Amino acid sequence: MKKFIKSFFTKNDSLEPDENSKGKYMPEKKAPIEERFTFNFTENGGKFLYCENKSECDSFFSQIIEENKWNDVEILCYDDSLLDFFAEKEKLNISKTNLNSKFFLTKCEFLVANDGSLLICAEQIKSHKVNDLPQNFIVFAKISQFTETLSGGLNGIKSKYPNNLPTNITTIKNFNSQEKENTNFLTYGSAAKNLYLLLLEDL
């Protein structure tokens, strides 16, 4: 995975097929799911940070806080296990109610490769609409959360919560202030978010 990340950011044209390397009737080679997600996610305006271990994750998290001058701001976070994960939790001013907090710290359910979106539900955002949440997001996810399609992610949610299917299932896709055409019914009408994704190798 680390090798892929390095190659992706040094050569973005890796998704383009080489016309000389395949026959006329050979099926087009599909890029790895991680590469397709990363390409689409960054094309949508998302900020992608790959973490090989927890130490790197803590370091990137601290850098995000530092660069944005978010050291003394109030942040929204509903997930206590996520707060326990980060080493600097003692320095954070946590709220579980203030939707006007400077940023929202959360996990997600799945990372959808074919459009670079993040699938979330009430487990992460309660009953709130995405538009009602803070403008800035820091999302924590793991490599095992990749899925090819939105329907694959929806099936994954059904499998994960077989006895109590969560409500408020939606996706976040637009991470750019420039308005883009949005054809995904789960994100229709949603405002763009300034979003950082911390992607960690499964430990």
N, C-alpha and C. Protein backbone atom coordinates (compact mmCIF):
# COMPACT_ATOMS: atom_id res chain seq x y z
N MET A 1 0.83 -1.21 0.00
CA MET A 1 0.00 0.00 0.00
C MET A 1 0.86 1.26 0.00
N LYS A 2 1.93 1.29 0.79
CA LYS A 2 2.79 2.46 0.85
C LYS A 2 3.44 2.71 -0.51
N LYS A 3 3.85 1.64 -1.17
CA LYS A 3 4.45 1.76 -2.50
C LYS A 3 3.45 2.38 -3.48
N PHE A 4 2.21 1.94 -3.38
CA PHE A 4 1.16 2.50 -4.24
C PHE A 4 0.98 3.99 -4.00
N ILE A 5 0.94 4.40 -2.74
CA ILE A 5 0.74 5.80 -2.41
C ILE A 5 1.86 6.65 -3.01
N LYS A 6 3.09 6.20 -2.87
CA LYS A 6 4.22 6.95 -3.41
C LYS A 6 4.12 7.06 -4.92
N SER A 7 3.79 5.97 -5.57
CA SER A 7 3.71 5.98 -7.03
C SER A 7 2.55 6.84 -7.51
N PHE A 8 1.47 6.87 -6.75
CA PHE A 8 0.31 7.66 -7.15
C PHE A 8 0.63 9.14 -7.17
N PHE A 9 1.33 9.61 -6.14
CA PHE A 9 1.60 11.04 -6.06
C PHE A 9 2.79 11.48 -6.90
N THR A 10 3.55 10.54 -7.45
CA THR A 10 4.64 10.91 -8.34
C THR A 10 4.24 10.80 -9.79
N LYS A 11 3.13 10.07 -10.07
CA LYS A 11 2.71 9.91 -11.46
C LYS A 11 1.21 9.70 -11.51
N ASN A 12 0.47 10.77 -11.67
CA ASN A 12 -0.98 10.70 -11.68
C ASN A 12 -1.55 10.11 -12.95
N ASP A 13 -0.71 9.95 -13.99
CA ASP A 13 -1.23 9.41 -15.24
C ASP A 13 -1.24 7.90 -15.25
N SER A 14 -1.03 7.27 -14.09
CA SER A 14 -0.99 5.81 -14.03
C SER A 14 -2.33 5.18 -14.33
N LEU A 15 -3.41 5.97 -14.26
CA LEU A 15 -4.73 5.44 -14.55
C LEU A 15 -4.98 5.35 -16.05
N GLU A 16 -4.16 6.03 -16.84
CA GLU A 16 -4.37 6.04 -18.29
C GLU A 16 -3.83 4.76 -18.90
N PRO A 17 -4.62 4.03 -19.71
CA PRO A 17 -4.16 2.80 -20.31
C PRO A 17 -3.09 3.07 -21.36
N ASP A 18 -2.12 2.19 -21.45
CA ASP A 18 -1.08 2.26 -22.46
C ASP A 18 -1.54 1.53 -23.70
N GLU A 19 -1.78 2.27 -24.77
CA GLU A 19 -2.34 1.68 -25.98
C GLU A 19 -1.41 0.66 -26.61
N ASN A 20 -0.09 0.82 -26.36
CA ASN A 20 0.87 -0.09 -26.98
C ASN A 20 1.07 -1.37 -26.18
N SER A 21 0.51 -1.40 -24.96
CA SER A 21 0.77 -2.54 -24.09
C SER A 21 -0.37 -3.55 -24.08
N LYS A 22 -1.42 -3.31 -24.88
CA LYS A 22 -2.52 -4.26 -24.90
C LYS A 22 -3.03 -4.44 -26.32
N GLY A 23 -3.53 -5.60 -26.60
CA GLY A 23 -4.09 -5.88 -27.91
C GLY A 23 -5.43 -5.21 -28.08
N LYS A 24 -5.90 -5.19 -29.31
CA LYS A 24 -7.15 -4.51 -29.63
C LYS A 24 -8.33 -5.07 -28.86
N TYR A 25 -8.33 -6.38 -28.64
CA TYR A 25 -9.49 -7.02 -28.00
C TYR A 25 -9.21 -7.43 -26.55
N MET A 26 -8.07 -7.00 -26.01
CA MET A 26 -7.76 -7.30 -24.61
C MET A 26 -8.62 -6.42 -23.70
N PRO A 27 -9.16 -6.97 -22.60
CA PRO A 27 -9.94 -6.14 -21.67
C PRO A 27 -9.04 -5.09 -21.02
N GLU A 28 -9.60 -3.91 -20.78
CA GLU A 28 -8.83 -2.84 -20.16
C GLU A 28 -8.47 -3.20 -18.73
N LYS A 29 -7.21 -3.02 -18.39
CA LYS A 29 -6.73 -3.36 -17.05
C LYS A 29 -7.29 -2.35 -16.04
N LYS A 30 -7.84 -2.86 -14.95
CA LYS A 30 -8.45 -2.00 -13.94
C LYS A 30 -7.43 -1.68 -12.86
N ALA A 31 -7.34 -0.40 -12.51
CA ALA A 31 -6.42 0.01 -11.46
C ALA A 31 -6.88 -0.56 -10.11
N PRO A 32 -5.96 -0.75 -9.16
CA PRO A 32 -6.35 -1.25 -7.83
C PRO A 32 -7.39 -0.34 -7.19
N ILE A 33 -8.22 -0.92 -6.34
CA ILE A 33 -9.31 -0.18 -5.71
C ILE A 33 -8.80 1.03 -4.92
N GLU A 34 -7.65 0.89 -4.24
CA GLU A 34 -7.09 1.99 -3.47
C GLU A 34 -6.72 3.16 -4.37
N GLU A 35 -6.16 2.83 -5.54
CA GLU A 35 -5.74 3.86 -6.47
C GLU A 35 -6.94 4.60 -7.07
N ARG A 36 -7.97 3.85 -7.40
CA ARG A 36 -9.16 4.47 -7.98
C ARG A 36 -9.85 5.39 -6.97
N PHE A 37 -9.94 4.92 -5.72
CA PHE A 37 -10.54 5.77 -4.69
C PHE A 37 -9.74 7.05 -4.50
N THR A 38 -8.42 6.90 -4.35
CA THR A 38 -7.58 8.06 -4.09
C THR A 38 -7.65 9.07 -5.22
N PHE A 39 -7.63 8.58 -6.44
CA PHE A 39 -7.72 9.47 -7.60
C PHE A 39 -9.05 10.24 -7.58
N ASN A 40 -10.15 9.54 -7.41
CA ASN A 40 -11.47 10.19 -7.42
C ASN A 40 -11.67 11.11 -6.21
N PHE A 41 -11.19 10.68 -5.06
CA PHE A 41 -11.31 11.47 -3.83
C PHE A 41 -10.58 12.81 -3.97
N THR A 42 -9.34 12.77 -4.45
CA THR A 42 -8.58 14.00 -4.60
C THR A 42 -9.13 14.86 -5.74
N GLU A 43 -9.68 14.22 -6.78
CA GLU A 43 -10.33 14.96 -7.85
C GLU A 43 -11.55 15.72 -7.31
N ASN A 44 -12.20 15.15 -6.31
CA ASN A 44 -13.35 15.81 -5.68
C ASN A 44 -12.94 16.95 -4.75
N GLY A 45 -11.63 17.08 -4.52
CA GLY A 45 -11.13 18.15 -3.67
C GLY A 45 -10.73 17.71 -2.28
N GLY A 46 -10.79 16.40 -1.99
CA GLY A 46 -10.43 15.90 -0.67
C GLY A 46 -8.92 15.92 -0.43
N LYS A 47 -8.54 16.00 0.82
CA LYS A 47 -7.12 15.99 1.22
C LYS A 47 -6.82 14.63 1.84
N PHE A 48 -5.94 13.88 1.19
CA PHE A 48 -5.70 12.48 1.52
C PHE A 48 -4.35 12.32 2.22
N LEU A 49 -4.36 11.67 3.39
CA LEU A 49 -3.13 11.44 4.15
C LEU A 49 -3.05 9.96 4.54
N TYR A 50 -2.10 9.26 3.92
CA TYR A 50 -1.92 7.83 4.20
C TYR A 50 -1.01 7.65 5.41
N CYS A 51 -1.44 6.82 6.35
CA CYS A 51 -0.68 6.59 7.59
C CYS A 51 -0.31 5.11 7.67
N GLU A 52 0.97 4.84 7.72
CA GLU A 52 1.42 3.45 7.81
C GLU A 52 1.21 2.88 9.21
N ASN A 53 1.23 3.74 10.22
CA ASN A 53 1.07 3.28 11.60
C ASN A 53 0.42 4.40 12.43
N LYS A 54 0.15 4.08 13.70
CA LYS A 54 -0.53 5.05 14.58
C LYS A 54 0.32 6.29 14.81
N SER A 55 1.63 6.13 14.88
CA SER A 55 2.52 7.27 15.09
C SER A 55 2.38 8.28 13.96
N GLU A 56 2.34 7.79 12.72
CA GLU A 56 2.16 8.69 11.58
C GLU A 56 0.79 9.35 11.62
N CYS A 57 -0.22 8.61 12.05
CA CYS A 57 -1.57 9.15 12.14
C CYS A 57 -1.62 10.30 13.15
N ASP A 58 -0.99 10.11 14.32
CA ASP A 58 -0.93 11.16 15.33
C ASP A 58 -0.19 12.39 14.80
N SER A 59 0.90 12.13 14.06
CA SER A 59 1.71 13.22 13.52
C SER A 59 0.91 14.04 12.51
N PHE A 60 0.22 13.37 11.59
CA PHE A 60 -0.59 14.07 10.59
C PHE A 60 -1.73 14.85 11.24
N PHE A 61 -2.35 14.24 12.24
CA PHE A 61 -3.44 14.90 12.95
C PHE A 61 -2.93 16.19 13.59
N SER A 62 -1.77 16.13 14.23
CA SER A 62 -1.18 17.31 14.87
C SER A 62 -0.85 18.38 13.84
N GLN A 63 -0.35 17.95 12.68
CA GLN A 63 -0.01 18.92 11.63
C GLN A 63 -1.25 19.64 11.10
N ILE A 64 -2.35 18.88 10.95
CA ILE A 64 -3.61 19.50 10.50
C ILE A 64 -4.06 20.57 11.49
N ILE A 65 -4.01 20.23 12.77
CA ILE A 65 -4.41 21.16 13.83
C ILE A 65 -3.52 22.41 13.79
N GLU A 66 -2.21 22.16 13.65
CA GLU A 66 -1.23 23.25 13.66
C GLU A 66 -1.39 24.17 12.46
N GLU A 67 -1.50 23.59 11.27
CA GLU A 67 -1.56 24.38 10.04
C GLU A 67 -2.83 25.25 9.97
N ASN A 68 -3.91 24.73 10.54
CA ASN A 68 -5.17 25.47 10.50
C ASN A 68 -5.41 26.35 11.72
N LYS A 69 -4.45 26.31 12.65
CA LYS A 69 -4.57 27.07 13.91
C LYS A 69 -5.85 26.70 14.67
N TRP A 70 -6.04 25.38 14.81
CA TRP A 70 -7.21 24.87 15.50
C TRP A 70 -6.88 24.40 16.93
N ASN A 71 -5.77 24.87 17.47
CA ASN A 71 -5.33 24.39 18.79
C ASN A 71 -6.32 24.69 19.91
N ASP A 72 -6.94 25.85 19.87
CA ASP A 72 -7.81 26.27 20.98
C ASP A 72 -9.28 26.35 20.60
N VAL A 73 -9.65 25.72 19.49
CA VAL A 73 -11.04 25.83 19.04
C VAL A 73 -11.88 24.66 19.58
N GLU A 74 -13.18 24.83 19.55
CA GLU A 74 -14.08 23.76 19.94
C GLU A 74 -14.32 22.84 18.75
N ILE A 75 -14.27 21.53 18.98
CA ILE A 75 -14.50 20.57 17.90
C ILE A 75 -15.67 19.65 18.26
N LEU A 76 -16.34 19.18 17.23
CA LEU A 76 -17.48 18.29 17.42
C LEU A 76 -17.02 16.85 17.20
N CYS A 77 -17.32 15.97 18.14
CA CYS A 77 -16.98 14.56 17.99
C CYS A 77 -17.93 13.72 18.85
N TYR A 78 -18.57 12.74 18.21
CA TYR A 78 -19.51 11.88 18.93
C TYR A 78 -18.89 10.55 19.36
N ASP A 79 -17.71 10.26 18.85
CA ASP A 79 -17.12 8.93 19.02
C ASP A 79 -16.00 8.95 20.06
N ASP A 80 -16.28 8.46 21.27
CA ASP A 80 -15.28 8.46 22.34
C ASP A 80 -14.09 7.57 22.00
N SER A 81 -14.32 6.47 21.28
CA SER A 81 -13.21 5.59 20.93
C SER A 81 -12.24 6.29 19.98
N LEU A 82 -12.75 7.17 19.16
CA LEU A 82 -11.89 7.94 18.26
C LEU A 82 -11.06 8.96 19.04
N LEU A 83 -11.68 9.57 20.02
CA LEU A 83 -10.94 10.52 20.86
C LEU A 83 -9.82 9.80 21.61
N ASP A 84 -10.10 8.60 22.08
CA ASP A 84 -9.09 7.82 22.80
C ASP A 84 -7.92 7.43 21.91
N PHE A 85 -8.15 7.38 20.61
CA PHE A 85 -7.12 6.93 19.68
C PHE A 85 -6.00 7.96 19.53
N PHE A 86 -6.36 9.23 19.51
CA PHE A 86 -5.38 10.28 19.24
C PHE A 86 -4.67 10.72 20.51
N ALA A 87 -3.35 10.86 20.40
CA ALA A 87 -2.52 11.15 21.57
C ALA A 87 -2.80 12.53 22.16
N GLU A 88 -3.25 13.47 21.33
CA GLU A 88 -3.42 14.85 21.79
C GLU A 88 -4.84 15.15 22.27
N LYS A 89 -5.59 14.11 22.64
CA LYS A 89 -6.99 14.34 23.01
C LYS A 89 -7.14 15.29 24.20
N GLU A 90 -6.13 15.28 25.10
CA GLU A 90 -6.22 16.15 26.28
C GLU A 90 -6.20 17.62 25.91
N LYS A 91 -5.62 17.95 24.73
CA LYS A 91 -5.51 19.34 24.31
C LYS A 91 -6.74 19.81 23.53
N LEU A 92 -7.64 18.89 23.23
CA LEU A 92 -8.78 19.24 22.39
C LEU A 92 -9.98 19.69 23.23
N ASN A 93 -10.67 20.68 22.74
CA ASN A 93 -11.88 21.18 23.39
C ASN A 93 -13.08 20.51 22.72
N ILE A 94 -13.56 19.43 23.33
CA ILE A 94 -14.56 18.57 22.69
C ILE A 94 -15.98 19.00 23.03
N SER A 95 -16.83 18.99 21.99
CA SER A 95 -18.27 19.20 22.18
C SER A 95 -19.03 18.04 21.54
N LYS A 96 -20.14 17.70 22.12
CA LYS A 96 -21.03 16.70 21.53
C LYS A 96 -22.36 17.32 21.09
N THR A 97 -22.42 18.64 21.15
CA THR A 97 -23.68 19.33 20.83
C THR A 97 -23.53 20.51 19.87
N ASN A 98 -22.38 21.15 19.87
CA ASN A 98 -22.22 22.40 19.13
C ASN A 98 -21.96 22.15 17.63
N LEU A 99 -23.00 22.35 16.81
CA LEU A 99 -22.86 22.15 15.37
C LEU A 99 -22.08 23.28 14.71
N ASN A 100 -21.79 24.33 15.47
CA ASN A 100 -20.98 25.43 14.95
C ASN A 100 -19.52 25.31 15.36
N SER A 101 -19.13 24.12 15.82
CA SER A 101 -17.73 23.88 16.16
C SER A 101 -16.84 24.09 14.93
N LYS A 102 -15.55 24.28 15.17
CA LYS A 102 -14.63 24.59 14.06
C LYS A 102 -14.47 23.41 13.10
N PHE A 103 -14.40 22.19 13.65
CA PHE A 103 -14.35 21.03 12.76
C PHE A 103 -15.01 19.82 13.41
N PHE A 104 -15.32 18.85 12.57
CA PHE A 104 -16.00 17.62 12.98
C PHE A 104 -15.03 16.46 12.83
N LEU A 105 -14.75 15.77 13.91
CA LEU A 105 -13.87 14.60 13.91
C LEU A 105 -14.72 13.35 13.93
N THR A 106 -14.55 12.47 12.94
CA THR A 106 -15.44 11.32 12.82
C THR A 106 -14.78 10.16 12.08
N LYS A 107 -15.42 9.01 12.18
CA LYS A 107 -15.08 7.87 11.33
C LYS A 107 -16.08 7.85 10.17
N CYS A 108 -16.00 6.84 9.32
CA CYS A 108 -17.00 6.65 8.27
C CYS A 108 -17.27 5.16 8.14
N GLU A 109 -18.23 4.78 7.34
CA GLU A 109 -18.53 3.36 7.15
C GLU A 109 -17.68 2.74 6.02
N PHE A 110 -17.70 3.40 4.86
CA PHE A 110 -16.97 2.86 3.71
C PHE A 110 -16.40 3.98 2.85
N LEU A 111 -15.34 3.64 2.11
CA LEU A 111 -14.72 4.52 1.13
C LEU A 111 -15.07 3.97 -0.25
N VAL A 112 -15.83 4.72 -1.02
CA VAL A 112 -16.37 4.22 -2.29
C VAL A 112 -15.42 4.57 -3.44
N ALA A 113 -14.86 3.53 -4.08
CA ALA A 113 -13.80 3.73 -5.06
C ALA A 113 -14.27 4.41 -6.34
N ASN A 114 -15.45 4.03 -6.83
CA ASN A 114 -15.82 4.48 -8.18
C ASN A 114 -16.20 5.96 -8.26
N ASP A 115 -16.43 6.63 -7.11
CA ASP A 115 -16.68 8.07 -7.18
C ASP A 115 -15.93 8.85 -6.10
N GLY A 116 -15.11 8.18 -5.29
CA GLY A 116 -14.32 8.87 -4.28
C GLY A 116 -15.12 9.45 -3.14
N SER A 117 -16.28 8.88 -2.86
CA SER A 117 -17.13 9.41 -1.78
C SER A 117 -16.93 8.63 -0.49
N LEU A 118 -17.41 9.20 0.61
CA LEU A 118 -17.37 8.57 1.92
C LEU A 118 -18.80 8.26 2.35
N LEU A 119 -19.05 7.00 2.68
CA LEU A 119 -20.38 6.57 3.10
C LEU A 119 -20.47 6.63 4.62
N ILE A 120 -21.48 7.37 5.11
CA ILE A 120 -21.67 7.54 6.55
C ILE A 120 -23.13 7.29 6.90
N CYS A 121 -23.42 7.25 8.20
CA CYS A 121 -24.79 7.02 8.65
C CYS A 121 -24.98 7.62 10.03
N ALA A 122 -26.08 7.29 10.66
CA ALA A 122 -26.39 7.85 11.99
C ALA A 122 -25.37 7.45 13.04
N GLU A 123 -24.64 6.36 12.81
CA GLU A 123 -23.59 5.97 13.75
C GLU A 123 -22.52 7.05 13.86
N GLN A 124 -22.33 7.82 12.78
CA GLN A 124 -21.33 8.88 12.79
C GLN A 124 -21.95 10.27 12.99
N ILE A 125 -23.09 10.54 12.35
CA ILE A 125 -23.62 11.92 12.34
C ILE A 125 -24.95 12.06 13.07
N LYS A 126 -25.35 11.03 13.79
CA LYS A 126 -26.63 11.06 14.53
C LYS A 126 -27.78 11.33 13.56
N SER A 127 -28.65 12.27 13.91
CA SER A 127 -29.81 12.57 13.05
C SER A 127 -29.58 13.82 12.21
N HIS A 128 -28.36 14.35 12.22
CA HIS A 128 -28.09 15.61 11.54
C HIS A 128 -27.90 15.42 10.03
N LYS A 129 -28.25 16.46 9.29
CA LYS A 129 -27.93 16.51 7.88
C LYS A 129 -26.46 16.94 7.74
N VAL A 130 -25.82 16.49 6.67
CA VAL A 130 -24.42 16.86 6.45
C VAL A 130 -24.26 18.38 6.41
N ASN A 131 -25.21 19.07 5.80
CA ASN A 131 -25.15 20.54 5.70
C ASN A 131 -25.13 21.22 7.05
N ASP A 132 -25.71 20.57 8.07
CA ASP A 132 -25.80 21.18 9.40
C ASP A 132 -24.52 21.02 10.20
N LEU A 133 -23.63 20.15 9.75
CA LEU A 133 -22.38 19.88 10.47
C LEU A 133 -21.33 20.92 10.11
N PRO A 134 -20.25 21.01 10.91
CA PRO A 134 -19.21 22.01 10.63
C PRO A 134 -18.66 21.93 9.21
N GLN A 135 -18.14 23.04 8.73
CA GLN A 135 -17.58 23.12 7.38
C GLN A 135 -16.35 22.23 7.22
N ASN A 136 -15.58 22.08 8.29
CA ASN A 136 -14.33 21.32 8.25
C ASN A 136 -14.51 19.94 8.86
N PHE A 137 -14.02 18.91 8.14
CA PHE A 137 -14.09 17.52 8.60
C PHE A 137 -12.67 16.94 8.69
N ILE A 138 -12.43 16.15 9.73
CA ILE A 138 -11.28 15.24 9.75
C ILE A 138 -11.86 13.85 9.92
N VAL A 139 -11.66 13.00 8.92
CA VAL A 139 -12.25 11.66 8.92
C VAL A 139 -11.15 10.62 9.05
N PHE A 140 -11.36 9.67 9.95
CA PHE A 140 -10.42 8.58 10.17
C PHE A 140 -10.99 7.29 9.58
N ALA A 141 -10.19 6.59 8.78
CA ALA A 141 -10.64 5.33 8.18
C ALA A 141 -9.46 4.36 8.05
N LYS A 142 -9.78 3.11 7.74
CA LYS A 142 -8.76 2.08 7.56
C LYS A 142 -8.85 1.47 6.17
N ILE A 143 -7.76 0.84 5.76
CA ILE A 143 -7.67 0.24 4.42
C ILE A 143 -8.81 -0.75 4.16
N SER A 144 -9.23 -1.47 5.18
CA SER A 144 -10.26 -2.49 5.02
C SER A 144 -11.63 -1.92 4.70
N GLN A 145 -11.78 -0.60 4.71
CA GLN A 145 -13.09 0.01 4.47
C GLN A 145 -13.36 0.37 3.02
N PHE A 146 -12.46 -0.01 2.11
CA PHE A 146 -12.71 0.25 0.70
C PHE A 146 -13.83 -0.64 0.16
N THR A 147 -14.65 -0.05 -0.70
CA THR A 147 -15.65 -0.82 -1.43
C THR A 147 -15.70 -0.28 -2.86
N GLU A 148 -16.04 -1.14 -3.80
CA GLU A 148 -16.04 -0.75 -5.20
C GLU A 148 -17.11 0.31 -5.50
N THR A 149 -18.33 0.04 -5.02
CA THR A 149 -19.47 0.87 -5.41
C THR A 149 -20.30 1.27 -4.20
N LEU A 150 -21.18 2.22 -4.41
CA LEU A 150 -22.10 2.64 -3.36
C LEU A 150 -23.00 1.48 -2.93
N SER A 151 -23.49 0.71 -3.89
CA SER A 151 -24.36 -0.42 -3.54
C SER A 151 -23.60 -1.45 -2.71
N GLY A 152 -22.30 -1.61 -3.01
CA GLY A 152 -21.48 -2.51 -2.19
C GLY A 152 -21.36 -2.01 -0.76
N GLY A 153 -21.23 -0.69 -0.61
CA GLY A 153 -21.16 -0.12 0.73
C GLY A 153 -22.47 -0.25 1.48
N LEU A 154 -23.59 -0.07 0.78
CA LEU A 154 -24.90 -0.23 1.42
C LEU A 154 -25.11 -1.67 1.88
N ASN A 155 -24.67 -2.62 1.06
CA ASN A 155 -24.75 -4.03 1.47
C ASN A 155 -23.84 -4.30 2.66
N GLY A 156 -22.69 -3.61 2.68
CA GLY A 156 -21.77 -3.76 3.81
C GLY A 156 -22.38 -3.25 5.10
N ILE A 157 -23.13 -2.16 5.03
CA ILE A 157 -23.80 -1.64 6.22
C ILE A 157 -24.86 -2.63 6.71
N LYS A 158 -25.60 -3.22 5.78
CA LYS A 158 -26.61 -4.22 6.16
C LYS A 158 -25.97 -5.40 6.86
N SER A 159 -24.79 -5.82 6.39
CA SER A 159 -24.09 -6.95 7.01
C SER A 159 -23.51 -6.57 8.37
N LYS A 160 -23.05 -5.33 8.49
CA LYS A 160 -22.42 -4.87 9.73
C LYS A 160 -23.43 -4.70 10.85
N TYR A 161 -24.65 -4.27 10.48
CA TYR A 161 -25.70 -4.03 11.48
C TYR A 161 -26.93 -4.88 11.13
N PRO A 162 -26.82 -6.21 11.23
CA PRO A 162 -27.91 -7.08 10.76
C PRO A 162 -29.20 -6.95 11.54
N ASN A 163 -29.11 -6.60 12.80
CA ASN A 163 -30.31 -6.55 13.65
C ASN A 163 -30.82 -5.14 13.93
N ASN A 164 -30.05 -4.16 13.52
CA ASN A 164 -30.44 -2.78 13.80
C ASN A 164 -29.85 -1.85 12.74
N LEU A 165 -30.45 -1.86 11.57
CA LEU A 165 -29.95 -1.07 10.45
C LEU A 165 -30.00 0.42 10.79
N PRO A 166 -28.86 1.11 10.69
CA PRO A 166 -28.86 2.53 11.06
C PRO A 166 -29.64 3.39 10.07
N THR A 167 -30.10 4.52 10.55
CA THR A 167 -30.81 5.48 9.70
C THR A 167 -29.82 6.54 9.20
N ASN A 168 -30.35 7.50 8.49
CA ASN A 168 -29.58 8.66 8.04
C ASN A 168 -28.33 8.26 7.23
N ILE A 169 -28.48 7.26 6.37
CA ILE A 169 -27.36 6.83 5.53
C ILE A 169 -27.19 7.82 4.39
N THR A 170 -25.97 8.33 4.22
CA THR A 170 -25.69 9.30 3.17
C THR A 170 -24.22 9.23 2.79
N THR A 171 -23.84 10.01 1.78
CA THR A 171 -22.43 10.06 1.41
C THR A 171 -21.95 11.51 1.39
N ILE A 172 -20.65 11.68 1.55
CA ILE A 172 -20.01 12.97 1.37
C ILE A 172 -19.13 12.83 0.14
N LYS A 173 -19.30 13.72 -0.81
CA LYS A 173 -18.57 13.58 -2.08
C LYS A 173 -17.88 14.86 -2.52
N ASN A 174 -18.48 15.99 -2.27
CA ASN A 174 -17.93 17.25 -2.76
C ASN A 174 -17.08 17.91 -1.67
N PHE A 175 -15.76 17.96 -1.91
CA PHE A 175 -14.84 18.56 -0.93
C PHE A 175 -14.17 19.80 -1.51
N ASN A 176 -14.83 20.40 -2.50
CA ASN A 176 -14.27 21.55 -3.20
C ASN A 176 -15.29 22.68 -3.15
N SER A 177 -14.80 23.89 -2.91
CA SER A 177 -15.71 25.03 -2.81
C SER A 177 -16.37 25.37 -4.15
N GLN A 178 -15.73 24.93 -5.26
CA GLN A 178 -16.33 25.16 -6.56
C GLN A 178 -17.48 24.19 -6.76
N GLU A 179 -18.62 24.71 -7.17
CA GLU A 179 -19.81 23.89 -7.32
C GLU A 179 -19.64 22.93 -8.48
N LYS A 180 -19.96 21.66 -8.25
CA LYS A 180 -19.87 20.63 -9.28
C LYS A 180 -21.22 19.99 -9.48
N GLU A 181 -21.37 19.41 -10.66
CA GLU A 181 -22.60 18.69 -10.93
C GLU A 181 -22.66 17.47 -10.02
N ASN A 182 -23.79 17.25 -9.38
CA ASN A 182 -23.92 16.16 -8.43
C ASN A 182 -25.06 15.26 -8.86
N THR A 183 -24.71 14.04 -9.26
CA THR A 183 -25.73 13.11 -9.76
C THR A 183 -26.04 12.01 -8.76
N ASN A 184 -25.41 12.04 -7.58
CA ASN A 184 -25.61 11.01 -6.57
C ASN A 184 -26.80 11.40 -5.68
N PHE A 185 -27.83 10.56 -5.68
CA PHE A 185 -29.03 10.92 -4.92
C PHE A 185 -28.76 11.05 -3.43
N LEU A 186 -27.74 10.37 -2.92
CA LEU A 186 -27.43 10.45 -1.50
C LEU A 186 -26.70 11.74 -1.12
N THR A 187 -26.18 12.47 -2.10
CA THR A 187 -25.47 13.70 -1.80
C THR A 187 -26.12 14.92 -2.43
N TYR A 188 -27.24 14.74 -3.07
CA TYR A 188 -27.89 15.86 -3.78
C TYR A 188 -28.22 16.99 -2.80
N GLY A 189 -27.79 18.18 -3.16
CA GLY A 189 -28.09 19.36 -2.35
C GLY A 189 -27.14 19.59 -1.19
N SER A 190 -26.12 18.76 -1.04
CA SER A 190 -25.18 18.91 0.07
C SER A 190 -24.11 19.94 -0.26
N ALA A 191 -23.78 20.78 0.70
CA ALA A 191 -22.74 21.78 0.51
C ALA A 191 -21.37 21.11 0.59
N ALA A 192 -20.38 21.72 -0.08
CA ALA A 192 -19.02 21.19 -0.06
C ALA A 192 -18.43 21.29 1.34
N LYS A 193 -17.59 20.31 1.69
CA LYS A 193 -16.90 20.31 2.97
C LYS A 193 -15.39 20.34 2.74
N ASN A 194 -14.68 21.01 3.62
CA ASN A 194 -13.22 20.97 3.62
C ASN A 194 -12.82 19.73 4.41
N LEU A 195 -12.39 18.68 3.71
CA LEU A 195 -12.27 17.37 4.36
C LEU A 195 -10.87 16.77 4.25
N TYR A 196 -10.34 16.37 5.40
CA TYR A 196 -9.09 15.63 5.48
C TYR A 196 -9.42 14.17 5.79
N LEU A 197 -8.80 13.25 5.06
CA LEU A 197 -8.97 11.83 5.32
C LEU A 197 -7.67 11.23 5.80
N LEU A 198 -7.67 10.72 7.03
CA LEU A 198 -6.52 10.00 7.59
C LEU A 198 -6.77 8.52 7.38
N LEU A 199 -6.01 7.90 6.48
CA LEU A 199 -6.22 6.50 6.13
C LEU A 199 -5.11 5.65 6.71
N LEU A 200 -5.48 4.76 7.62
CA LEU A 200 -4.50 3.96 8.37
C LEU A 200 -4.50 2.51 7.92
N GLU A 201 -3.31 1.93 7.84
CA GLU A 201 -3.20 0.48 7.62
C GLU A 201 -3.87 -0.23 8.78
N ASP A 202 -4.59 -1.32 8.51
CA ASP A 202 -5.22 -2.10 9.59
C ASP A 202 -4.13 -2.73 10.46
N LEU A 203 -4.24 -2.51 11.76
CA LEU A 203 -3.21 -3.03 12.68
C LEU A 203 -3.50 -4.47 13.07
